[in-house]
Protein backbone atom coordinates (compact mmCIF):
# COMPACT_ATOMS: atom_id res chain seq x y z
CA MET A 1 0.00 0.00 0.00
CA ASN A 2 1.37 3.39 -1.00
CA PRO A 3 1.31 5.86 1.96
CA ASN A 4 1.03 8.90 -0.37
CA ARG A 5 -2.07 7.60 -2.08
CA PRO A 6 -5.38 8.72 -0.49
CA ARG A 7 -7.52 5.94 0.79
CA SER A 8 -10.98 5.51 -0.65
CA ARG A 9 -13.96 4.71 1.47
CA THR A 10 -16.59 2.26 0.44
CA ARG A 11 -20.08 3.73 0.84
CA LEU A 12 -23.43 2.40 -0.06
CA PRO A 13 -24.91 5.18 -2.18
CA GLY A 14 -28.12 6.64 -0.85
CA ILE A 15 -28.52 4.49 2.29
CA HIS A 16 -27.27 7.16 4.67
CA SER A 17 -29.41 9.82 2.98
CA LEU A 18 -32.52 7.61 3.00
CA PHE A 19 -32.02 6.72 6.67
CA SER A 20 -31.61 10.41 7.60
CA THR A 21 -34.76 11.37 5.70
CA LEU A 22 -36.83 8.61 7.31
CA LEU A 23 -35.53 9.44 10.79
CA PHE A 24 -36.26 13.14 10.28
CA ALA A 25 -39.81 12.40 9.05
CA TYR A 26 -40.43 10.02 11.96
CA LEU A 27 -39.28 12.59 14.53
CA LEU A 28 -41.45 15.36 13.05
CA LEU A 29 -44.60 13.28 12.64
CA PRO A 30 -45.76 13.42 16.28
CA ILE A 31 -44.99 17.13 16.52
CA SER A 32 -46.93 18.15 13.44
CA THR A 33 -50.02 16.06 14.20
CA GLY A 34 -50.17 16.83 17.92
CA CYS A 35 -49.91 20.62 17.78
CA SER A 36 -52.40 21.70 15.16
CA PRO A 37 -54.40 24.75 16.36
CA LYS A 38 -58.17 24.63 16.28
CA PRO A 39 -59.66 27.44 14.20
CA HIS A 40 -62.30 29.69 15.66
CA SER A 41 -64.93 31.71 13.84
CA ILE A 42 -67.85 34.03 14.49
CA ASP A 43 -70.98 33.75 12.36
CA LEU A 44 -72.94 36.98 11.90
CA THR A 45 -76.43 37.20 10.44
CA TRP A 46 -78.72 40.20 10.12
CA ALA A 47 -82.01 41.24 8.54
CA ALA A 48 -82.10 43.39 5.44
CA PRO A 49 -83.73 46.80 5.98
CA ALA A 50 -87.49 46.60 5.58
CA THR A 51 -87.59 49.97 3.82
CA SER A 52 -84.85 52.09 2.33
CA PRO A 53 -84.98 55.34 0.33
CA VAL A 54 -82.34 53.86 -2.02
CA PRO A 55 -81.80 50.24 -3.08
CA VAL A 56 -79.25 48.35 -0.99
CA VAL A 57 -76.62 46.50 -3.07
CA GLY A 58 -74.62 45.02 -0.19
CA TYR A 59 -73.19 45.38 3.27
CA ASN A 60 -69.87 46.34 4.85
CA ILE A 61 -68.78 44.57 8.03
CA TYR A 62 -66.67 46.42 10.61
CA ARG A 63 -64.87 44.93 13.62
CA ALA A 64 -63.10 46.36 16.68
CA PRO A 65 -61.03 44.04 18.90
CA ASP A 66 -62.09 45.64 22.20
CA GLU A 67 -64.11 48.62 23.39
CA GLY A 68 -62.32 51.88 22.73
CA PHE A 69 -60.50 50.61 19.65
CA SER A 70 -61.39 51.86 16.20
CA TYR A 71 -63.42 49.73 13.80
CA HIS A 72 -61.80 48.25 10.68
CA LEU A 73 -63.55 47.18 7.48
CA LEU A 74 -63.33 43.38 7.07
CA ASN A 75 -64.56 42.90 3.50
CA THR A 76 -63.00 44.28 0.31
CA SER A 77 -66.29 44.81 -1.52
CA PRO A 78 -69.91 44.94 -0.31
CA ILE A 79 -71.31 41.54 0.68
CA LYS A 80 -74.58 40.73 -1.04
CA GLU A 81 -75.84 38.20 1.52
CA THR A 82 -77.07 38.96 5.03
CA LYS A 83 -74.50 36.70 6.67
CA TYR A 84 -70.76 36.76 7.23
CA THR A 85 -68.24 34.43 8.90
CA ASP A 86 -65.20 36.00 10.52
CA TRP A 87 -62.40 33.40 10.52
CA MET A 88 -59.73 35.80 11.82
CA VAL A 89 -60.59 35.64 15.54
CA GLN A 90 -58.58 34.34 18.47
CA SER A 91 -59.58 32.30 21.49
CA GLY A 92 -60.29 34.29 24.65
CA ARG A 93 -60.77 37.62 22.83
CA THR A 94 -63.86 39.82 22.63
CA TYR A 95 -64.87 41.44 19.34
CA HIS A 96 -67.39 44.16 18.50
CA TYR A 97 -69.09 44.29 15.10
CA MET A 98 -71.26 46.77 13.24
CA ILE A 99 -72.78 46.54 9.79
CA LYS A 100 -73.53 49.28 7.27
CA SER A 101 -75.67 48.85 4.16
CA VAL A 102 -74.24 50.18 0.89
CA ASP A 103 -76.07 51.66 -2.11
CA ALA A 104 -75.09 51.48 -5.80
CA ASN A 105 -72.91 54.61 -5.46
CA GLY A 106 -70.95 53.12 -2.57
CA VAL A 107 -72.60 55.36 0.02
CA GLU A 108 -72.93 53.67 3.42
CA SER A 109 -75.87 53.90 5.80
CA ASP A 110 -75.59 54.72 9.47
CA PRO A 111 -74.12 51.79 11.44
CA SER A 112 -76.24 49.03 12.89
CA ASN A 113 -76.36 48.32 16.58
CA VAL A 114 -73.04 47.01 17.89
CA ILE A 115 -72.84 43.24 18.27
CA THR A 116 -70.39 41.96 20.91
CA MET A 117 -69.04 38.40 20.71
CA LYS A 118 -66.53 36.58 22.92
CA VAL A 119 -64.57 33.68 21.48
CA PRO A 120 -64.27 30.77 23.95
């Protein structure tokens, strides 16, 4: 054997890589299935106005996270139905909602009564 010649190692191609991948997947499996958060939502429904001087084309939904905070518009365009599901809520928080009807020119009505909901 020549001492100046580098020694070559014999490796089984792919076995080490396959083993590492399987071990990694096995270790992550319990973590990913055991820690999935449960989504919360709030379902809102309301009655359309019985009479209106102008036709209503939709509704805008506003939410404030707690009393004293300003309301933010949740939808990007007026909602045509008289129901809305808010999927962006967190457990243990209280939210306040108000709804405004919208006419064909985009003019909003006065706000509805405030609806307060607490997420369990």
